[in-house]
PDB file of all heavy atoms in Angstrom:
ATOM      1  N   VAL A   1     -61.291  47.909-128.582  1.00  0.00           N
ATOM      2  CA  VAL A   1     -60.887  48.973-129.500  1.00  0.00           C
ATOM      3  C   VAL A   1     -62.066  49.918-129.728  1.00  0.00           C
ATOM      4  O   VAL A   1     -61.914  51.138-129.673  1.00  0.00           O
ATOM      5  CB  VAL A   1     -60.386  48.370-130.841  1.00  0.00           C
ATOM      6  CG1 VAL A   1     -60.256  49.441-131.906  1.00  0.00           C
ATOM      7  CG2 VAL A   1     -59.059  47.637-130.639  1.00  0.00           C
ATOM      8  N   MET A   2     -63.244  49.348-129.975  1.00  0.00           N
ATOM      9  CA  MET A   2     -64.433  50.178-130.193  1.00  0.00           C
ATOM     10  C   MET A   2     -64.780  50.997-128.957  1.00  0.00           C
ATOM     11  O   MET A   2     -65.131  52.173-129.065  1.00  0.00           O
ATOM     12  CB  MET A   2     -65.627  49.299-130.566  1.00  0.00           C
ATOM     13  CG  MET A   2     -65.603  48.810-131.993  1.00  0.00           C
ATOM     14  SD  MET A   2     -67.033  47.784-132.400  1.00  0.00           S
ATOM     15  CE  MET A   2     -68.405  48.881-132.071  1.00  0.00           C
ATOM     16  N   ALA A   3     -64.688  50.372-127.781  1.00  0.00           N
ATOM     17  CA  ALA A   3     -65.026  51.069-126.543  1.00  0.00           C
ATOM     18  C   ALA A   3     -64.095  52.256-126.298  1.00  0.00           C
ATOM     19  O   ALA A   3     -64.517  53.283-125.768  1.00  0.00           O
ATOM     20  CB  ALA A   3     -64.982  50.106-125.366  1.00  0.00           C
ATOM     21  N   ASP A   4     -62.830  52.087-126.692  1.00  0.00           N
ATOM     22  CA  ASP A   4     -61.861  53.175-126.515  1.00  0.00           C
ATOM     23  C   ASP A   4     -62.034  54.263-127.558  1.00  0.00           C
ATOM     24  O   ASP A   4     -61.540  55.372-127.383  1.00  0.00           O
ATOM     25  CB  ASP A   4     -60.428  52.635-126.566  1.00  0.00           C
ATOM     26  CG  ASP A   4     -60.070  51.815-125.338  1.00  0.00           C
ATOM     27  OD1 ASP A   4     -60.806  51.880-124.339  1.00  0.00           O
ATOM     28  OD2 ASP A   4     -59.049  51.102-125.381  1.00  0.00           O
ATOM     29  N   GLY A   5     -62.704  53.944-128.667  1.00  0.00           N
ATOM     30  CA  GLY A   5     -62.943  54.930-129.713  1.00  0.00           C
ATOM     31  C   GLY A   5     -61.689  55.398-130.416  1.00  0.00           C
ATOM     32  O   GLY A   5     -61.640  56.516-130.918  1.00  0.00           O
ATOM     33  N   LEU A   6     -60.677  54.549-130.475  1.00  0.00           N
ATOM     34  CA  LEU A   6     -59.407  54.934-131.092  1.00  0.00           C
ATOM     35  C   LEU A   6     -59.304  54.385-132.508  1.00  0.00           C
ATOM     36  O   LEU A   6     -59.847  53.323-132.820  1.00  0.00           O
ATOM     37  CB  LEU A   6     -58.238  54.411-130.252  1.00  0.00           C
ATOM     38  CG  LEU A   6     -58.196  54.892-128.804  1.00  0.00           C
ATOM     39  CD1 LEU A   6     -57.068  54.220-128.052  1.00  0.00           C
ATOM     40  CD2 LEU A   6     -58.026  56.403-128.762  1.00  0.00           C
ATOM     41  N   ALA A   7     -58.591  55.110-133.362  1.00  0.00           N
ATOM     42  CA  ALA A   7     -58.379  54.653-134.741  1.00  0.00           C
ATOM     43  C   ALA A   7     -57.452  53.446-134.775  1.00  0.00           C
ATOM     44  O   ALA A   7     -57.599  52.577-135.635  1.00  0.00           O
ATOM     45  CB  ALA A   7     -57.810  55.788-135.579  1.00  0.00           C
ATOM     46  N   GLU A   8     -56.494  53.398-133.829  1.00  0.00           N
ATOM     47  CA  GLU A   8     -55.588  52.255-133.789  1.00  0.00           C
ATOM     48  C   GLU A   8     -56.403  50.997-133.495  1.00  0.00           C
ATOM     49  O   GLU A   8     -57.145  50.932-132.529  1.00  0.00           O
ATOM     50  CB  GLU A   8     -54.526  52.417-132.698  1.00  0.00           C
ATOM     51  CG  GLU A   8     -53.577  51.239-132.640  1.00  0.00           C
ATOM     52  CD  GLU A   8     -52.671  51.235-131.428  1.00  0.00           C
ATOM     53  OE1 GLU A   8     -52.862  52.067-130.527  1.00  0.00           O
ATOM     54  OE2 GLU A   8     -51.787  50.383-131.379  1.00  0.00           O
ATOM     55  N   GLY A   9     -56.308  50.041-134.365  1.00  0.00           N
ATOM     56  CA  GLY A   9     -57.044  48.807-134.180  1.00  0.00           C
ATOM     57  C   GLY A   9     -58.352  48.756-134.944  1.00  0.00           C
ATOM     58  O   GLY A   9     -59.056  47.753-134.897  1.00  0.00           O
ATOM     59  N   ALA A  10     -58.691  49.825-135.688  1.00  0.00           N
ATOM     60  CA  ALA A  10     -59.924  49.823-136.479  1.00  0.00           C
ATOM     61  C   ALA A  10     -59.893  48.685-137.494  1.00  0.00           C
ATOM     62  O   ALA A  10     -60.925  48.101-137.814  1.00  0.00           O
ATOM     63  CB  ALA A  10     -60.129  51.166-137.165  1.00  0.00           C
ATOM     64  N   TRP A  11     -58.705  48.360-137.979  1.00  0.00           N
ATOM     65  CA  TRP A  11     -58.562  47.236-138.918  1.00  0.00           C
ATOM     66  C   TRP A  11     -59.093  45.941-138.305  1.00  0.00           C
ATOM     67  O   TRP A  11     -59.718  45.127-138.985  1.00  0.00           O
ATOM     68  CB  TRP A  11     -57.094  47.047-139.327  1.00  0.00           C
ATOM     69  CG  TRP A  11     -56.188  46.698-138.169  1.00  0.00           C
ATOM     70  CD1 TRP A  11     -55.522  47.566-137.350  1.00  0.00           C
ATOM     71  CD2 TRP A  11     -55.901  45.390-137.679  1.00  0.00           C
ATOM     72  NE1 TRP A  11     -54.839  46.884-136.380  1.00  0.00           N
ATOM     73  CE2 TRP A  11     -55.043  45.546-136.558  1.00  0.00           C
ATOM     74  CE3 TRP A  11     -56.273  44.112-138.050  1.00  0.00           C
ATOM     75  CZ2 TRP A  11     -54.563  44.464-135.825  1.00  0.00           C
ATOM     76  CZ3 TRP A  11     -55.794  43.033-137.324  1.00  0.00           C
ATOM     77  CH2 TRP A  11     -54.942  43.219-136.225  1.00  0.00           C
ATOM     78  N   LEU A  12     -58.843  45.778-137.005  1.00  0.00           N
ATOM     79  CA  LEU A  12     -59.272  44.556-136.327  1.00  0.00           C
ATOM     80  C   LEU A  12     -60.795  44.498-136.235  1.00  0.00           C
ATOM     81  O   LEU A  12     -61.391  43.446-136.449  1.00  0.00           O
ATOM     82  CB  LEU A  12     -58.644  44.465-134.931  1.00  0.00           C
ATOM     83  CG  LEU A  12     -59.024  43.237-134.120  1.00  0.00           C
ATOM     84  CD1 LEU A  12     -58.514  41.963-134.800  1.00  0.00           C
ATOM     85  CD2 LEU A  12     -58.465  43.345-132.711  1.00  0.00           C
ATOM     86  N   VAL A  13     -61.424  45.608-135.929  1.00  0.00           N
ATOM     87  CA  VAL A  13     -62.882  45.661-135.836  1.00  0.00           C
ATOM     88  C   VAL A  13     -63.494  45.252-137.182  1.00  0.00           C
ATOM     89  O   VAL A  13     -64.364  44.380-137.240  1.00  0.00           O
ATOM     90  CB  VAL A  13     -63.372  47.065-135.414  1.00  0.00           C
ATOM     91  CG1 VAL A  13     -64.897  47.143-135.454  1.00  0.00           C
ATOM     92  CG2 VAL A  13     -62.847  47.427-134.034  1.00  0.00           C
ATOM     93  N   ASP A  14     -63.007  45.866-138.260  1.00  0.00           N
ATOM     94  CA  ASP A  14     -63.550  45.578-139.590  1.00  0.00           C
ATOM     95  C   ASP A  14     -63.319  44.123-139.990  1.00  0.00           C
ATOM     96  O   ASP A  14     -64.221  43.458-140.498  1.00  0.00           O
ATOM     97  CB  ASP A  14     -62.917  46.500-140.634  1.00  0.00           C
ATOM     98  CG  ASP A  14     -63.305  47.962-140.433  1.00  0.00           C
ATOM     99  OD1 ASP A  14     -64.341  48.223-139.785  1.00  0.00           O
ATOM    100  OD2 ASP A  14     -62.556  48.830-140.912  1.00  0.00           O
ATOM    101  N   GLU A  15     -62.111  43.630-139.762  1.00  0.00           N
ATOM    102  CA  GLU A  15     -61.785  42.264-140.167  1.00  0.00           C
ATOM    103  C   GLU A  15     -62.548  41.235-139.335  1.00  0.00           C
ATOM    104  O   GLU A  15     -63.066  40.255-139.879  1.00  0.00           O
ATOM    105  CB  GLU A  15     -60.274  42.023-140.066  1.00  0.00           C
ATOM    106  CG  GLU A  15     -59.865  40.753-140.741  1.00  0.00           C
ATOM    107  CD  GLU A  15     -58.378  40.668-141.003  1.00  0.00           C
ATOM    108  OE1 GLU A  15     -57.690  41.715-140.999  1.00  0.00           O
ATOM    109  OE2 GLU A  15     -57.915  39.537-141.206  1.00  0.00           O
ATOM    110  N   CYS A  16     -62.636  41.443-138.038  1.00  0.00           N
ATOM    111  CA  CYS A  16     -63.377  40.507-137.183  1.00  0.00           C
ATOM    112  C   CYS A  16     -64.849  40.468-137.561  1.00  0.00           C
ATOM    113  O   CYS A  16     -65.439  39.393-137.694  1.00  0.00           O
ATOM    114  CB  CYS A  16     -63.241  40.880-135.713  1.00  0.00           C
ATOM    115  SG  CYS A  16     -61.667  40.416-134.995  1.00  0.00           S
ATOM    116  N   ARG A  17     -65.443  41.639-137.745  1.00  0.00           N
ATOM    117  CA  ARG A  17     -66.857  41.709-138.101  1.00  0.00           C
ATOM    118  C   ARG A  17     -67.112  40.921-139.389  1.00  0.00           C
ATOM    119  O   ARG A  17     -68.017  40.085-139.447  1.00  0.00           O
ATOM    120  CB  ARG A  17     -67.288  43.166-138.253  1.00  0.00           C
ATOM    121  CG  ARG A  17     -68.749  43.353-138.537  1.00  0.00           C
ATOM    122  CD  ARG A  17     -69.166  44.823-138.557  1.00  0.00           C
ATOM    123  NE  ARG A  17     -68.233  45.651-139.277  1.00  0.00           N
ATOM    124  CZ  ARG A  17     -67.610  46.725-138.765  1.00  0.00           C
ATOM    125  NH1 ARG A  17     -67.833  47.115-137.534  1.00  0.00           N
ATOM    126  NH2 ARG A  17     -66.767  47.424-139.486  1.00  0.00           N
ATOM    127  N   ALA A  18     -66.311  41.132-140.412  1.00  0.00           N
ATOM    128  CA  ALA A  18     -66.490  40.445-141.697  1.00  0.00           C
ATOM    129  C   ALA A  18     -66.292  38.937-141.559  1.00  0.00           C
ATOM    130  O   ALA A  18     -67.080  38.147-142.093  1.00  0.00           O
ATOM    131  CB  ALA A  18     -65.516  41.012-142.733  1.00  0.00           C
ATOM    132  N   ARG A  19     -65.270  38.518-140.842  1.00  0.00           N
ATOM    133  CA  ARG A  19     -64.992  37.084-140.694  1.00  0.00           C
ATOM    134  C   ARG A  19     -66.057  36.382-139.848  1.00  0.00           C
ATOM    135  O   ARG A  19     -66.414  35.243-140.122  1.00  0.00           O
ATOM    136  CB  ARG A  19     -63.616  36.876-140.093  1.00  0.00           C
ATOM    137  CG  ARG A  19     -62.502  37.183-141.062  1.00  0.00           C
ATOM    138  CD  ARG A  19     -61.153  37.044-140.388  1.00  0.00           C
ATOM    139  NE  ARG A  19     -60.108  37.478-141.254  1.00  0.00           N
ATOM    140  CZ  ARG A  19     -59.241  36.662-141.849  1.00  0.00           C
ATOM    141  NH1 ARG A  19     -59.338  35.361-141.654  1.00  0.00           N
ATOM    142  NH2 ARG A  19     -58.303  37.140-142.627  1.00  0.00           N
ATOM    143  N   LEU A  20     -66.540  37.051-138.822  1.00  0.00           N
ATOM    144  CA  LEU A  20     -67.589  36.462-137.987  1.00  0.00           C
ATOM    145  C   LEU A  20     -68.871  36.250-138.787  1.00  0.00           C
ATOM    146  O   LEU A  20     -69.515  35.203-138.678  1.00  0.00           O
ATOM    147  CB  LEU A  20     -67.860  37.351-136.768  1.00  0.00           C
ATOM    148  CG  LEU A  20     -66.782  37.355-135.695  1.00  0.00           C
ATOM    149  CD1 LEU A  20     -66.928  38.585-134.802  1.00  0.00           C
ATOM    150  CD2 LEU A  20     -66.814  36.081-134.879  1.00  0.00           C
ATOM    151  N   VAL A  21     -69.239  37.250-139.581  1.00  0.00           N
ATOM    152  CA  VAL A  21     -70.443  37.134-140.401  1.00  0.00           C
ATOM    153  C   VAL A  21     -70.276  35.990-141.394  1.00  0.00           C
ATOM    154  O   VAL A  21     -71.184  35.185-141.587  1.00  0.00           O
ATOM    155  CB  VAL A  21     -70.738  38.476-141.125  1.00  0.00           C
ATOM    156  CG1 VAL A  21     -71.808  38.304-142.190  1.00  0.00           C
ATOM    157  CG2 VAL A  21     -71.141  39.537-140.112  1.00  0.00           C
ATOM    158  N   GLU A  22     -69.113  35.909-142.009  1.00  0.00           N
ATOM    159  CA  GLU A  22     -68.858  34.854-142.995  1.00  0.00           C
ATOM    160  C   GLU A  22     -68.838  33.469-142.365  1.00  0.00           C
ATOM    161  O   GLU A  22     -69.408  32.519-142.897  1.00  0.00           O
ATOM    162  CB  GLU A  22     -67.508  35.122-143.681  1.00  0.00           C
ATOM    163  CG  GLU A  22     -67.142  34.111-144.743  1.00  0.00           C
ATOM    164  CD  GLU A  22     -65.805  34.439-145.370  1.00  0.00           C
ATOM    165  OE1 GLU A  22     -65.594  35.606-145.756  1.00  0.00           O
ATOM    166  OE2 GLU A  22     -64.962  33.523-145.459  1.00  0.00           O
ATOM    167  N   ARG A  23     -68.208  33.346-141.192  1.00  0.00           N
ATOM    168  CA  ARG A  23     -68.051  32.038-140.566  1.00  0.00           C
ATOM    169  C   ARG A  23     -69.377  31.516-140.013  1.00  0.00           C
ATOM    170  O   ARG A  23     -69.737  30.370-140.221  1.00  0.00           O
ATOM    171  CB  ARG A  23     -66.999  32.114-139.458  1.00  0.00           C
ATOM    172  CG  ARG A  23     -66.689  30.757-138.859  1.00  0.00           C
ATOM    173  CD  ARG A  23     -65.524  30.824-137.920  1.00  0.00           C
ATOM    174  NE  ARG A  23     -65.903  31.408-136.633  1.00  0.00           N
ATOM    175  CZ  ARG A  23     -65.128  31.402-135.571  1.00  0.00           C
ATOM    176  NH1 ARG A  23     -63.919  30.873-135.621  1.00  0.00           N
ATOM    177  NH2 ARG A  23     -65.532  31.952-134.450  1.00  0.00           N
ATOM    178  N   GLY A  24     -70.092  32.329-139.268  1.00  0.00           N
ATOM    179  CA  GLY A  24     -71.431  31.977-138.809  1.00  0.00           C
ATOM    180  C   GLY A  24     -71.531  30.836-137.807  1.00  0.00           C
ATOM    181  O   GLY A  24     -72.552  30.172-137.752  1.00  0.00           O
ATOM    182  N   GLN A  25     -70.523  30.623-136.982  1.00  0.00           N
ATOM    183  CA  GLN A  25     -70.600  29.589-135.951  1.00  0.00           C
ATOM    184  C   GLN A  25     -71.322  30.140-134.718  1.00  0.00           C
ATOM    185  O   GLN A  25     -71.552  31.337-134.612  1.00  0.00           O
ATOM    186  CB  GLN A  25     -69.196  29.113-135.581  1.00  0.00           C
ATOM    187  CG  GLN A  25     -68.529  28.328-136.674  1.00  0.00           C
ATOM    188  CD  GLN A  25     -67.153  27.836-136.263  1.00  0.00           C
ATOM    189  OE1 GLN A  25     -66.672  28.082-135.163  1.00  0.00           O
ATOM    190  NE2 GLN A  25     -66.499  27.133-137.170  1.00  0.00           N
TER     191      GLN A  25
END
């Protein structure tokens, strides 16, 4: 989604980033 630079899917980028930081595996 980020590579394509499209607004569609921006929710996924934000949610994944936050969950990955929180989970920390």
